[in-house]
Amino acid sequence: MLLDVENLQSGYGSAQVLFGITLSISAGEAVTLMGRNGMGKTTTVRTLMGLVRAQGGQVRWRGQDLTGAAPHAMARAGIGLVPEGRHIFPNLSVRENLVMAEMRRDTGREAWTLDRVIHFFPRLGQRLANAGHQLSGGEQQMLAIGRALMTNPDLLILDEATEGLAPVVREEIWLRLAKLKRTGLSILVIDKELEELTALADRHYIIEKGEIVWSGTSADLMADTRVHETYLGV
């Protein structure tokens, strides 16, 4: 197992948000974490990445307990994060945003370099000298993904992968994620686009009030309209 999260609990101050999250991701697998706003999706990601302190449970990476490890340690271990809100450096150029994240790791796959990211997202190649704040929302998301890829991760986590993007850009992002999956990269994605998520991912988890309330395959999810109505609001 690549990532194994067991009974993860966390929150902010005295307010507990997660009440025992358990999920797993295998090598080469694409998995989603779905649920309505405010149910704990982002807190789950922030806790397993060490951005929020775990109050209980375990985060195991390749069998090693990394619960509570610092974010840079999680990145060095092989987890790349595309955070909600992108959080690129607005005053740095596209080139600088990418190069500063470069990390050489032997993943057994073709290495991600500046040239490869530009080939993967040609629009970034046209904007290399532009500052982050000069990019459109879609270009900023491509940059955030490219920056995470520059760490040469074994697992790419995307929190709200296409939120707020124009339809044509959303379509491009989904196509790129499908291409990444074909390279053997593991993916954990949070988004609200049910059709695209079920087409991309092997398995799905649904979170409700800080607990996993459903898990299954794409076929299971599409067949269970009760789950859509109860937990996804669609």
Protein backbone atom coordinates (compact mmCIF):
# COMPACT_ATOMS: atom_id res chain seq x y z
CA MET A 1 0.00 0.00 0.00
CA LEU A 2 1.34 3.43 -0.94
CA LEU A 3 -0.72 5.56 1.48
CA ASP A 4 -2.65 4.13 4.41
CA VAL A 5 -4.61 6.54 6.63
CA GLU A 6 -6.21 4.95 9.68
CA ASN A 7 -8.60 6.52 12.21
CA LEU A 8 -7.23 10.02 11.53
CA GLN A 9 -8.54 12.68 13.91
CA SER A 10 -7.83 16.40 13.91
CA GLY A 11 -9.34 19.85 14.16
CA TYR A 12 -8.64 23.47 14.92
CA GLY A 13 -8.16 24.40 18.55
CA SER A 14 -10.97 22.86 20.58
CA ALA A 15 -13.11 22.26 17.48
CA GLN A 16 -12.70 18.67 16.26
CA VAL A 17 -13.30 18.27 12.52
CA LEU A 18 -12.15 14.73 11.69
CA PHE A 19 -13.54 11.80 13.69
CA GLY A 20 -11.59 8.82 12.43
CA ILE A 21 -10.83 9.03 8.69
CA THR A 22 -9.67 5.76 7.18
CA LEU A 23 -8.64 5.50 3.53
CA SER A 24 -5.92 3.98 1.39
CA ILE A 25 -4.29 4.45 -2.01
CA SER A 26 -2.27 1.88 -3.91
CA ALA A 27 0.54 2.57 -6.37
CA GLY A 28 -0.84 3.73 -9.72
CA GLU A 29 -4.35 4.20 -8.36
CA ALA A 30 -6.58 7.25 -8.70
CA VAL A 31 -8.89 7.86 -5.73
CA THR A 32 -11.34 10.65 -4.92
CA LEU A 33 -12.50 12.22 -1.68
CA MET A 34 -15.96 13.69 -2.14
CA GLY A 35 -18.54 15.41 0.00
CA ARG A 36 -20.35 18.68 0.44
CA ASN A 37 -18.57 21.85 1.54
CA GLY A 38 -17.49 21.96 5.16
CA MET A 39 -17.44 18.19 5.70
CA GLY A 40 -13.69 17.85 6.26
CA LYS A 41 -12.14 17.20 2.84
CA THR A 42 -9.52 19.93 3.01
CA THR A 43 -8.83 19.24 6.69
CA THR A 44 -8.15 15.62 5.78
CA VAL A 45 -5.59 16.67 3.20
CA ARG A 46 -4.01 19.29 5.46
CA THR A 47 -3.73 16.80 8.32
CA LEU A 48 -2.11 14.01 6.34
CA MET A 49 0.32 16.58 4.88
CA GLY A 50 1.29 17.84 8.34
CA LEU A 51 -0.25 21.28 7.88
CA VAL A 52 -2.77 20.56 10.66
CA ARG A 53 -1.73 18.59 13.74
CA ALA A 54 -3.15 15.08 13.94
CA GLN A 55 -4.92 14.44 17.26
CA GLY A 56 -5.13 10.69 16.74
CA GLY A 57 -4.73 7.94 14.20
CA GLN A 58 -1.93 7.19 11.76
CA VAL A 59 -0.65 8.26 8.37
CA ARG A 60 1.54 5.52 6.90
CA TRP A 61 3.51 6.01 3.72
CA ARG A 62 4.94 2.84 2.18
CA GLY A 63 4.44 1.26 5.59
CA GLN A 64 6.37 3.98 7.46
CA ASP A 65 4.53 5.99 10.11
CA LEU A 66 4.72 9.65 9.03
CA THR A 67 1.91 10.92 11.26
CA GLY A 68 2.67 14.53 12.15
CA ALA A 69 5.69 14.83 9.85
CA ALA A 70 6.38 18.34 8.58
CA PRO A 71 5.06 19.30 5.12
CA HIS A 72 8.56 19.40 3.62
CA ALA A 73 9.18 15.88 4.92
CA MET A 74 5.99 14.67 3.25
CA ALA A 75 7.12 16.28 -0.01
CA ARG A 76 10.54 14.62 0.25
CA ALA A 77 8.81 11.30 0.90
CA GLY A 78 7.00 11.62 -2.44
CA ILE A 79 3.67 13.40 -1.92
CA GLY A 80 2.95 16.44 -4.09
CA LEU A 81 0.15 18.80 -3.07
CA VAL A 82 -1.90 21.13 -5.25
CA PRO A 83 -3.68 23.05 -2.49
CA GLU A 84 -7.10 24.63 -2.59
CA GLY A 85 -6.63 28.20 -3.75
CA ARG A 86 -3.42 27.26 -5.65
CA HIS A 87 -1.08 29.35 -3.43
CA ILE A 88 1.44 30.09 -6.13
CA PHE A 89 3.96 32.86 -5.46
CA PRO A 90 2.35 35.90 -7.09
CA ASN A 91 5.49 38.01 -7.40
CA LEU A 92 7.68 35.23 -8.83
CA SER A 93 7.72 34.37 -12.51
CA VAL A 94 6.25 31.17 -13.83
CA ARG A 95 9.77 29.86 -14.36
CA GLU A 96 10.77 30.74 -10.79
CA ASN A 97 7.64 29.14 -9.33
CA LEU A 98 8.51 25.90 -11.11
CA VAL A 99 12.27 25.79 -10.67
CA MET A 100 12.17 26.54 -6.95
CA ALA A 101 10.06 23.40 -6.38
CA GLU A 102 12.36 21.06 -8.32
CA MET A 103 13.27 17.92 -6.43
CA ARG A 104 15.22 15.02 -7.83
CA ARG A 105 13.66 11.71 -6.82
CA ASP A 106 14.01 8.31 -8.46
CA THR A 107 10.41 7.26 -9.03
CA GLY A 108 11.06 4.70 -11.74
CA ARG A 109 9.13 6.95 -14.14
CA GLU A 110 10.31 9.71 -16.46
CA ALA A 111 11.52 12.64 -14.36
CA TRP A 112 9.59 15.89 -14.29
CA THR A 113 11.77 18.78 -15.41
CA LEU A 114 11.03 22.35 -16.45
CA ASP A 115 11.00 21.31 -20.10
CA ARG A 116 8.65 18.42 -19.44
CA VAL A 117 6.19 20.57 -17.46
CA ILE A 118 6.18 23.15 -20.26
CA HIS A 119 5.53 20.40 -22.80
CA PHE A 120 2.72 19.09 -20.60
CA PHE A 121 1.20 22.57 -20.16
CA PRO A 122 2.19 24.52 -23.31
CA ARG A 123 0.39 27.61 -22.04
CA LEU A 124 2.92 27.90 -19.22
CA GLY A 125 5.72 27.87 -21.78
CA GLN A 126 4.21 30.98 -23.32
CA ARG A 127 4.09 32.70 -19.92
CA LEU A 128 7.45 31.76 -18.39
CA ALA A 129 8.51 35.36 -17.76
CA ASN A 130 5.13 36.46 -16.41
CA ALA A 131 4.58 36.85 -12.68
CA GLY A 132 2.10 34.56 -10.98
CA HIS A 133 -0.40 37.36 -10.40
CA GLN A 134 -0.49 38.06 -14.15
CA LEU A 135 -1.91 34.64 -14.95
CA SER A 136 -5.55 33.69 -15.40
CA GLY A 137 -7.15 31.35 -12.89
CA GLY A 138 -6.72 28.42 -15.24
CA GLU A 139 -3.06 29.23 -15.84
CA GLN A 140 -2.50 29.53 -12.09
CA GLN A 141 -3.98 26.06 -11.59
CA MET A 142 -1.73 24.65 -14.30
CA LEU A 143 1.20 26.30 -12.56
CA ALA A 144 0.18 24.84 -9.20
CA ILE A 145 -0.02 21.37 -10.76
CA GLY A 146 3.27 21.87 -12.58
CA ARG A 147 4.94 23.01 -9.38
CA ALA A 148 3.78 19.86 -7.58
CA LEU A 149 5.00 17.70 -10.47
CA MET A 150 8.43 19.32 -10.22
CA THR A 151 8.85 17.54 -6.87
CA ASN A 152 8.61 14.25 -8.81
CA PRO A 153 5.94 12.79 -6.54
CA ASP A 154 4.64 9.24 -6.31
CA LEU A 155 1.26 10.60 -5.18
CA LEU A 156 -0.32 13.82 -6.44
CA ILE A 157 -3.03 15.33 -4.23
CA LEU A 158 -5.33 17.94 -5.76
CA ASP A 159 -7.68 19.84 -3.47
CA GLU A 160 -10.55 21.31 -5.54
CA ALA A 161 -8.87 20.48 -8.84
CA THR A 162 -11.12 22.59 -11.09
CA GLU A 163 -13.00 24.92 -8.73
CA GLY A 164 -13.84 28.30 -10.26
CA LEU A 165 -12.34 27.51 -13.67
CA ALA A 166 -13.93 28.09 -17.06
CA PRO A 167 -15.45 24.97 -18.67
CA VAL A 168 -12.78 24.76 -21.38
CA VAL A 169 -10.02 24.93 -18.77
CA ARG A 170 -11.75 22.34 -16.57
CA GLU A 171 -11.86 19.99 -19.54
CA GLU A 172 -8.14 20.51 -20.15
CA ILE A 173 -7.30 19.79 -16.50
CA TRP A 174 -9.29 16.53 -16.54
CA LEU A 175 -7.54 15.44 -19.73
CA ARG A 176 -4.15 16.16 -18.15
CA LEU A 177 -5.04 14.23 -14.99
CA ALA A 178 -6.07 11.23 -17.08
CA LYS A 179 -2.73 11.45 -18.87
CA LEU A 180 -0.90 11.59 -15.54
CA LYS A 181 -2.72 8.49 -14.36
CA ARG A 182 -1.58 6.64 -17.46
CA THR A 183 2.03 7.34 -16.47
CA GLY A 184 1.49 5.30 -13.29
CA LEU A 185 1.30 8.29 -10.95
CA SER A 186 -1.07 7.81 -8.01
CA ILE A 187 -3.67 10.55 -7.58
CA LEU A 188 -5.97 11.70 -4.79
CA VAL A 189 -8.41 14.30 -6.08
CA ILE A 190 -11.08 16.44 -4.43
CA ASP A 191 -13.63 18.01 -6.73
CA LYS A 192 -17.38 18.28 -7.33
CA GLU A 193 -17.53 17.16 -10.98
CA LEU A 194 -19.09 13.73 -10.49
CA GLU A 195 -18.97 12.60 -14.11
CA GLU A 196 -15.30 13.52 -14.51
CA LEU A 197 -14.35 12.01 -11.15
CA THR A 198 -15.97 8.68 -11.92
CA ALA A 199 -14.30 8.60 -15.33
CA LEU A 200 -10.86 9.29 -13.85
CA ALA A 201 -10.79 7.38 -10.58
CA ASP A 202 -10.70 3.73 -9.60
CA ARG A 203 -12.29 4.19 -6.16
CA HIS A 204 -14.11 6.86 -4.21
CA TYR A 205 -14.56 7.91 -0.59
CA ILE A 206 -17.37 10.16 0.61
CA ILE A 207 -16.92 12.19 3.78
CA GLU A 208 -19.76 13.55 5.92
CA LYS A 209 -19.16 15.55 9.10
CA GLY A 210 -15.60 14.33 9.45
CA GLU A 211 -16.28 10.63 8.86
CA ILE A 212 -16.08 8.36 5.82
CA VAL A 213 -19.67 7.29 5.19
CA TRP A 214 -19.30 5.49 1.86
CA SER A 215 -16.58 3.96 -0.31
CA GLY A 216 -16.65 2.01 -3.54
CA THR A 217 -15.86 1.87 -7.24
CA SER A 218 -17.09 4.19 -9.98
CA ALA A 219 -19.67 1.60 -11.03
CA ASP A 220 -20.92 1.38 -7.43
CA LEU A 221 -21.18 5.14 -7.15
CA MET A 222 -23.00 5.71 -10.42
CA ALA A 223 -25.49 2.96 -9.59
CA ASP A 224 -26.37 4.33 -6.15
CA THR A 225 -28.49 7.43 -6.64
CA ARG A 226 -29.30 7.47 -2.92
CA VAL A 227 -25.66 8.31 -2.21
CA HIS A 228 -25.79 11.19 -4.69
CA GLU A 229 -28.87 12.66 -3.08
CA THR A 230 -27.84 12.08 0.54
CA TYR A 231 -24.17 13.05 0.53
CA LEU A 232 -23.34 14.89 -2.68
CA GLY A 233 -26.38 17.08 -3.19
CA VAL A 234 -26.75 16.11 -6.85
